[in-house]
């Protein structure tokens, strides 16, 4: 009877150790998967952010070129618009 209890205790200990080993492997695997997903998401956001910065830079360059063309083609109109905007800002500032 003592031997049977000892063998049963050994079997239970082995089963618990095996379960703990599998649970540990699954936890490590889940951690690796989560880490890979986070790394992938960060890389994706970094790429999107870079693309957005490039698009903003392109838009700013295009706007700058357009303004330069307008100023070169119609300098008097540009000065008149600048004076008008300055007047409006000044009038709004006084209030």
Protein backbone atom coordinates (compact mmCIF):
# COMPACT_ATOMS: atom_id res chain seq x y z
CA UNK A 1 0.00 0.00 0.00
CA UNK A 2 2.86 2.38 0.86
CA UNK A 3 4.51 1.66 -2.48
CA UNK A 4 1.24 2.35 -4.29
CA UNK A 5 0.84 5.72 -2.57
CA UNK A 6 4.47 6.57 -3.35
CA UNK A 7 4.00 5.59 -7.02
CA UNK A 8 0.77 7.60 -7.19
CA UNK A 9 2.55 10.62 -5.64
CA UNK A 10 5.34 10.28 -8.21
CA UNK A 11 2.80 10.09 -11.04
CA UNK A 12 0.97 13.18 -9.76
CA UNK A 13 4.28 15.06 -9.41
CA UNK A 14 5.29 14.09 -12.93
CA UNK A 15 1.89 15.15 -14.29
CA UNK A 16 2.10 18.53 -12.50
CA UNK A 17 5.66 19.09 -13.75
CA UNK A 18 4.65 18.18 -17.30
CA UNK A 19 1.64 20.52 -17.09
CA UNK A 20 3.84 23.32 -15.72
CA UNK A 21 6.37 22.73 -18.51
CA UNK A 22 3.66 22.90 -21.19
CA UNK A 23 2.11 25.96 -19.59
CA UNK A 24 5.52 27.65 -19.50
CA UNK A 25 6.13 26.82 -23.16
CA UNK A 26 2.72 28.17 -24.11
CA UNK A 27 3.33 31.33 -22.09
CA UNK A 28 6.72 31.87 -23.77
CA UNK A 29 5.16 31.19 -27.14
CA UNK A 30 2.35 33.64 -26.42
CA UNK A 31 4.89 36.24 -25.30
CA UNK A 32 6.93 35.78 -28.49
CA UNK A 33 3.80 36.07 -30.62
CA UNK A 34 2.65 39.19 -28.78
CA UNK A 35 6.13 40.71 -29.07
CA UNK A 36 6.21 39.96 -32.80
CA UNK A 37 2.77 41.56 -33.22
CA UNK A 38 3.85 44.67 -31.31
CA UNK A 39 7.08 44.92 -33.31
CA UNK A 40 5.11 44.53 -36.53
CA UNK A 41 2.62 47.21 -35.48
CA UNK A 42 5.41 49.62 -34.51
CA UNK A 43 7.18 49.03 -37.83
CA UNK A 44 3.93 49.57 -39.71
CA UNK A 45 3.20 52.81 -37.83
CA UNK A 46 6.75 53.99 -38.43
CA UNK A 47 6.40 53.35 -42.16
CA UNK A 48 3.03 55.12 -42.25
CA UNK A 49 4.43 58.07 -40.31
CA UNK A 50 7.34 58.32 -42.72
CA UNK A 51 4.98 58.19 -45.68
CA UNK A 52 2.81 60.91 -44.12
CA UNK A 53 5.87 63.10 -43.53
CA UNK A 54 6.96 62.60 -47.13
CA UNK A 55 3.48 63.53 -48.37
CA UNK A 56 3.43 66.65 -46.16
CA UNK A 57 6.86 67.65 -47.41
CA UNK A 58 5.76 67.16 -51.02
CA UNK A 59 2.61 69.22 -50.43
CA UNK A 60 4.61 72.01 -48.79
CA UNK A 61 7.10 72.00 -51.67
CA UNK A 62 4.28 72.12 -54.20
CA UNK A 63 2.61 75.01 -52.36
CA UNK A 64 5.90 76.87 -52.17
CA UNK A 65 6.46 76.43 -55.91
CA UNK A 66 2.90 77.57 -56.66
CA UNK A 67 3.26 80.67 -54.50
CA UNK A 68 6.60 81.46 -56.07
CA UNK A 69 5.07 81.19 -59.54
CA UNK A 70 2.15 83.48 -58.61
CA UNK A 71 4.47 86.04 -57.01
CA UNK A 72 6.73 86.00 -60.06
CA UNK A 73 3.87 86.29 -62.55
CA UNK A 74 1.79 88.90 -60.67
CA UNK A 75 3.95 90.87 -58.23
CA UNK A 76 1.59 93.87 -57.91
CA UNK A 77 -1.41 91.69 -57.14
CA UNK A 78 0.66 89.82 -54.55
CA UNK A 79 1.69 93.05 -52.84
CA UNK A 80 -1.95 94.21 -52.84
CA UNK A 81 -3.13 90.95 -51.29
CA UNK A 82 -0.38 91.15 -48.66
CA UNK A 83 -1.41 94.71 -47.79
CA UNK A 84 -5.07 93.68 -47.56
CA UNK A 85 -4.28 90.73 -45.28
CA UNK A 86 -2.09 92.99 -43.13
CA UNK A 87 -4.91 95.52 -42.85
CA UNK A 88 -7.40 92.83 -41.84
CA UNK A 89 -5.03 91.42 -39.21
CA UNK A 90 -4.37 94.90 -37.87
CA UNK A 91 -8.08 95.70 -37.71
CA UNK A 92 -8.81 92.42 -35.94
CA UNK A 93 -5.90 92.97 -33.54
CA UNK A 94 -7.27 96.32 -32.36
CA UNK A 95 -10.59 94.82 -31.31
